[in-house]
Amino acid sequence: MAMKQNWTEFETETGLKAKYLIIGEDKRHDVRIKILTPMPRGYYYSAVNEAGAYYDQYIFPKFK
């Protein structure tokens, strides 16, 4: 049986909705991010970069 994945939703300062999942031991580098806010394809990579920066700045420090 597959293990249930527990995604955690968050929203950046600009209103971008995303979620993250920690897939390994390293909470900084073993992270997957999905974008929930609908947008044109051309903006997706910018959205992932924004969500990743938000994770690094606000969410990751809470694990320490």
C-alpha atoms as a PDB file:
ATOM      1  CA  MET A   1       0.000   0.000   0.000  1.00  0.00           C
ATOM      2  CA  ALA A   2       1.276   3.450  -0.908  1.00  0.00           C
ATOM      3  CA  MET A   3       2.057   5.902   1.844  1.00  0.00           C
ATOM      4  CA  LYS A   4      -0.209   8.961   2.011  1.00  0.00           C
ATOM      5  CA  GLN A   5       1.513  12.163   1.034  1.00  0.00           C
ATOM      6  CA  ASN A   6       0.799  15.125   3.285  1.00  0.00           C
ATOM      7  CA  TRP A   7       0.996  18.296   1.231  1.00  0.00           C
ATOM      8  CA  THR A   8       0.921  21.575   3.157  1.00  0.00           C
ATOM      9  CA  GLU A   9      -0.730  24.563   1.509  1.00  0.00           C
ATOM     10  CA  PHE A  10       0.580  28.111   1.808  1.00  0.00           C
ATOM     11  CA  GLU A  11       0.053  31.511   0.221  1.00  0.00           C
ATOM     12  CA  THR A  12       2.805  33.963  -0.686  1.00  0.00           C
ATOM     13  CA  GLU A  13       2.687  37.686  -0.013  1.00  0.00           C
ATOM     14  CA  THR A  14       1.428  38.312  -3.562  1.00  0.00           C
ATOM     15  CA  GLY A  15      -1.499  35.913  -3.176  1.00  0.00           C
ATOM     16  CA  LEU A  16       0.035  32.973  -5.043  1.00  0.00           C
ATOM     17  CA  LYS A  17      -1.374  29.719  -3.658  1.00  0.00           C
ATOM     18  CA  ALA A  18       0.912  26.696  -3.574  1.00  0.00           C
ATOM     19  CA  LYS A  19       1.677  23.589  -1.545  1.00  0.00           C
ATOM     20  CA  TYR A  20       4.839  21.765  -0.539  1.00  0.00           C
ATOM     21  CA  LEU A  21       5.816  18.212   0.334  1.00  0.00           C
ATOM     22  CA  ILE A  22       9.058  17.196   2.034  1.00  0.00           C
ATOM     23  CA  ILE A  23      10.213  13.992   0.321  1.00  0.00           C
ATOM     24  CA  GLY A  24      13.425  13.239   2.213  1.00  0.00           C
ATOM     25  CA  GLU A  25      15.519  14.028   5.254  1.00  0.00           C
ATOM     26  CA  ASP A  26      16.813  17.401   4.048  1.00  0.00           C
ATOM     27  CA  LYS A  27      13.990  19.909   4.602  1.00  0.00           C
ATOM     28  CA  ARG A  28      15.743  22.507   2.447  1.00  0.00           C
ATOM     29  CA  HIS A  29      16.515  20.511  -0.691  1.00  0.00           C
ATOM     30  CA  ASP A  30      14.152  17.514  -0.584  1.00  0.00           C
ATOM     31  CA  VAL A  31      11.034  19.587  -1.192  1.00  0.00           C
ATOM     32  CA  ARG A  32       8.449  19.467  -3.963  1.00  0.00           C
ATOM     33  CA  ILE A  33       6.316  22.508  -4.687  1.00  0.00           C
ATOM     34  CA  LYS A  34       3.055  22.596  -6.647  1.00  0.00           C
ATOM     35  CA  ILE A  35       1.289  25.739  -7.764  1.00  0.00           C
ATOM     36  CA  LEU A  36      -2.457  25.857  -7.051  1.00  0.00           C
ATOM     37  CA  THR A  37      -3.276  29.281  -8.479  1.00  0.00           C
ATOM     38  CA  PRO A  38      -4.514  28.986 -12.070  1.00  0.00           C
ATOM     39  CA  MET A  39      -2.317  30.888 -14.536  1.00  0.00           C
ATOM     40  CA  PRO A  40      -1.081  30.817 -18.129  1.00  0.00           C
ATOM     41  CA  ARG A  41       1.740  28.360 -18.830  1.00  0.00           C
ATOM     42  CA  GLY A  42       4.233  31.137 -19.483  1.00  0.00           C
ATOM     43  CA  TYR A  43       4.056  32.266 -15.853  1.00  0.00           C
ATOM     44  CA  TYR A  44       4.474  28.852 -14.239  1.00  0.00           C
ATOM     45  CA  TYR A  45       8.266  28.932 -13.777  1.00  0.00           C
ATOM     46  CA  SER A  46       8.101  32.393 -12.226  1.00  0.00           C
ATOM     47  CA  ALA A  47       5.422  31.132  -9.862  1.00  0.00           C
ATOM     48  CA  VAL A  48       7.546  28.137  -8.834  1.00  0.00           C
ATOM     49  CA  ASN A  49      10.504  30.464  -8.212  1.00  0.00           C
ATOM     50  CA  GLU A  50       8.331  32.765  -6.099  1.00  0.00           C
ATOM     51  CA  ALA A  51       6.908  29.857  -4.093  1.00  0.00           C
ATOM     52  CA  GLY A  52      10.398  28.393  -3.610  1.00  0.00           C
ATOM     53  CA  ALA A  53      11.750  31.711  -2.379  1.00  0.00           C
ATOM     54  CA  TYR A  54       8.816  32.042   0.022  1.00  0.00           C
ATOM     55  CA  TYR A  55       9.481  28.509   1.325  1.00  0.00           C
ATOM     56  CA  ASP A  56      13.174  29.313   1.863  1.00  0.00           C
ATOM     57  CA  GLN A  57      12.486  32.619   3.595  1.00  0.00           C
ATOM     58  CA  TYR A  58       9.421  31.890   5.744  1.00  0.00           C
ATOM     59  CA  ILE A  59       8.671  28.166   6.038  1.00  0.00           C
ATOM     60  CA  PHE A  60      12.108  26.508   6.214  1.00  0.00           C
ATOM     61  CA  PRO A  61      13.333  28.613   9.187  1.00  0.00           C
ATOM     62  CA  LYS A  62      10.424  27.291  11.267  1.00  0.00           C
ATOM     63  CA  PHE A  63      11.952  23.783  11.106  1.00  0.00           C
ATOM     64  CA  LYS A  64      15.140  24.835  12.888  1.00  0.00           C
END
